[in-house]
Amino acid sequence: MLNVMEKRPPPYFPQSQLSPGDDKRYRKFKFFVVLAIAGLIFLLVGTGFGVYYLVKWLWAN
């Protein structure tokens, strides 16, 4: 097992970024994450209302 590790080639790409991070890119990413979380919350609330009214309608009939 140790022999395999010694024969492995060195990494070809640097492990850290070469250029500094872009603020606009980070802001876009945050926006999409917030949008996705809000969408999931609305979906869950809508599903809850749907189940509630379905059960209410089924019990009424």
Protein backbone atom coordinates (compact mmCIF):
# COMPACT_ATOMS: atom_id res chain seq x y z
CA MET A 1 0.00 0.00 0.00
CA LEU A 2 2.84 2.38 0.79
CA ASN A 3 4.41 1.67 -2.61
CA VAL A 4 1.27 2.88 -4.37
CA MET A 5 1.37 6.17 -2.47
CA GLU A 6 5.03 6.74 -3.45
CA LYS A 7 4.33 6.18 -7.16
CA ARG A 8 1.43 8.61 -7.27
CA PRO A 9 2.18 11.70 -9.41
CA PRO A 10 2.19 15.13 -7.78
CA PRO A 11 -0.99 17.20 -8.08
CA TYR A 12 -1.18 19.13 -11.33
CA PHE A 13 -3.48 21.91 -10.14
CA PRO A 14 -2.94 24.23 -7.18
CA GLN A 15 -5.14 23.59 -4.18
CA SER A 16 -5.95 27.26 -3.61
CA GLN A 17 -7.50 29.88 -5.88
CA LEU A 18 -5.14 31.87 -8.04
CA SER A 19 -7.40 34.92 -8.26
CA PRO A 20 -9.30 36.62 -5.43
CA GLY A 21 -13.00 35.85 -5.04
CA ASP A 22 -15.59 37.90 -6.89
CA ASP A 23 -18.12 39.73 -4.66
CA LYS A 24 -20.79 39.74 -7.37
CA ARG A 25 -20.52 35.99 -7.81
CA TYR A 26 -20.89 35.44 -4.07
CA ARG A 27 -23.87 37.81 -3.95
CA LYS A 28 -25.56 35.91 -6.82
CA PHE A 29 -24.94 32.62 -5.05
CA LYS A 30 -26.46 33.93 -1.81
CA PHE A 31 -29.46 35.27 -3.76
CA PHE A 32 -30.12 31.90 -5.39
CA VAL A 33 -29.73 30.06 -2.09
CA VAL A 34 -32.23 32.40 -0.40
CA LEU A 35 -34.56 32.04 -3.40
CA ALA A 36 -34.35 28.24 -3.22
CA ILE A 37 -35.03 28.21 0.53
CA ALA A 38 -38.00 30.57 0.10
CA GLY A 39 -39.33 28.36 -2.71
CA LEU A 40 -39.06 25.27 -0.51
CA ILE A 41 -40.85 27.03 2.34
CA PHE A 42 -43.68 28.12 0.03
CA LEU A 43 -43.90 24.60 -1.39
CA LEU A 44 -44.12 23.07 2.09
CA VAL A 45 -46.73 25.60 3.24
CA GLY A 46 -48.76 25.01 0.07
CA THR A 47 -48.56 21.25 0.55
CA GLY A 48 -49.69 21.65 4.16
CA PHE A 49 -52.70 23.72 3.12
CA GLY A 50 -53.51 21.22 0.38
CA VAL A 51 -53.41 18.26 2.76
CA TYR A 52 -55.46 20.16 5.33
CA TYR A 53 -58.22 21.04 2.86
CA LEU A 54 -58.15 17.54 1.32
CA VAL A 55 -58.65 15.92 4.72
CA LYS A 56 -61.33 18.47 5.59
CA TRP A 57 -63.13 17.77 2.28
CA LEU A 58 -62.86 13.98 2.73
CA TRP A 59 -64.28 14.13 6.26
CA ALA A 60 -67.18 16.33 5.12
CA ASN A 61 -68.30 13.80 2.47
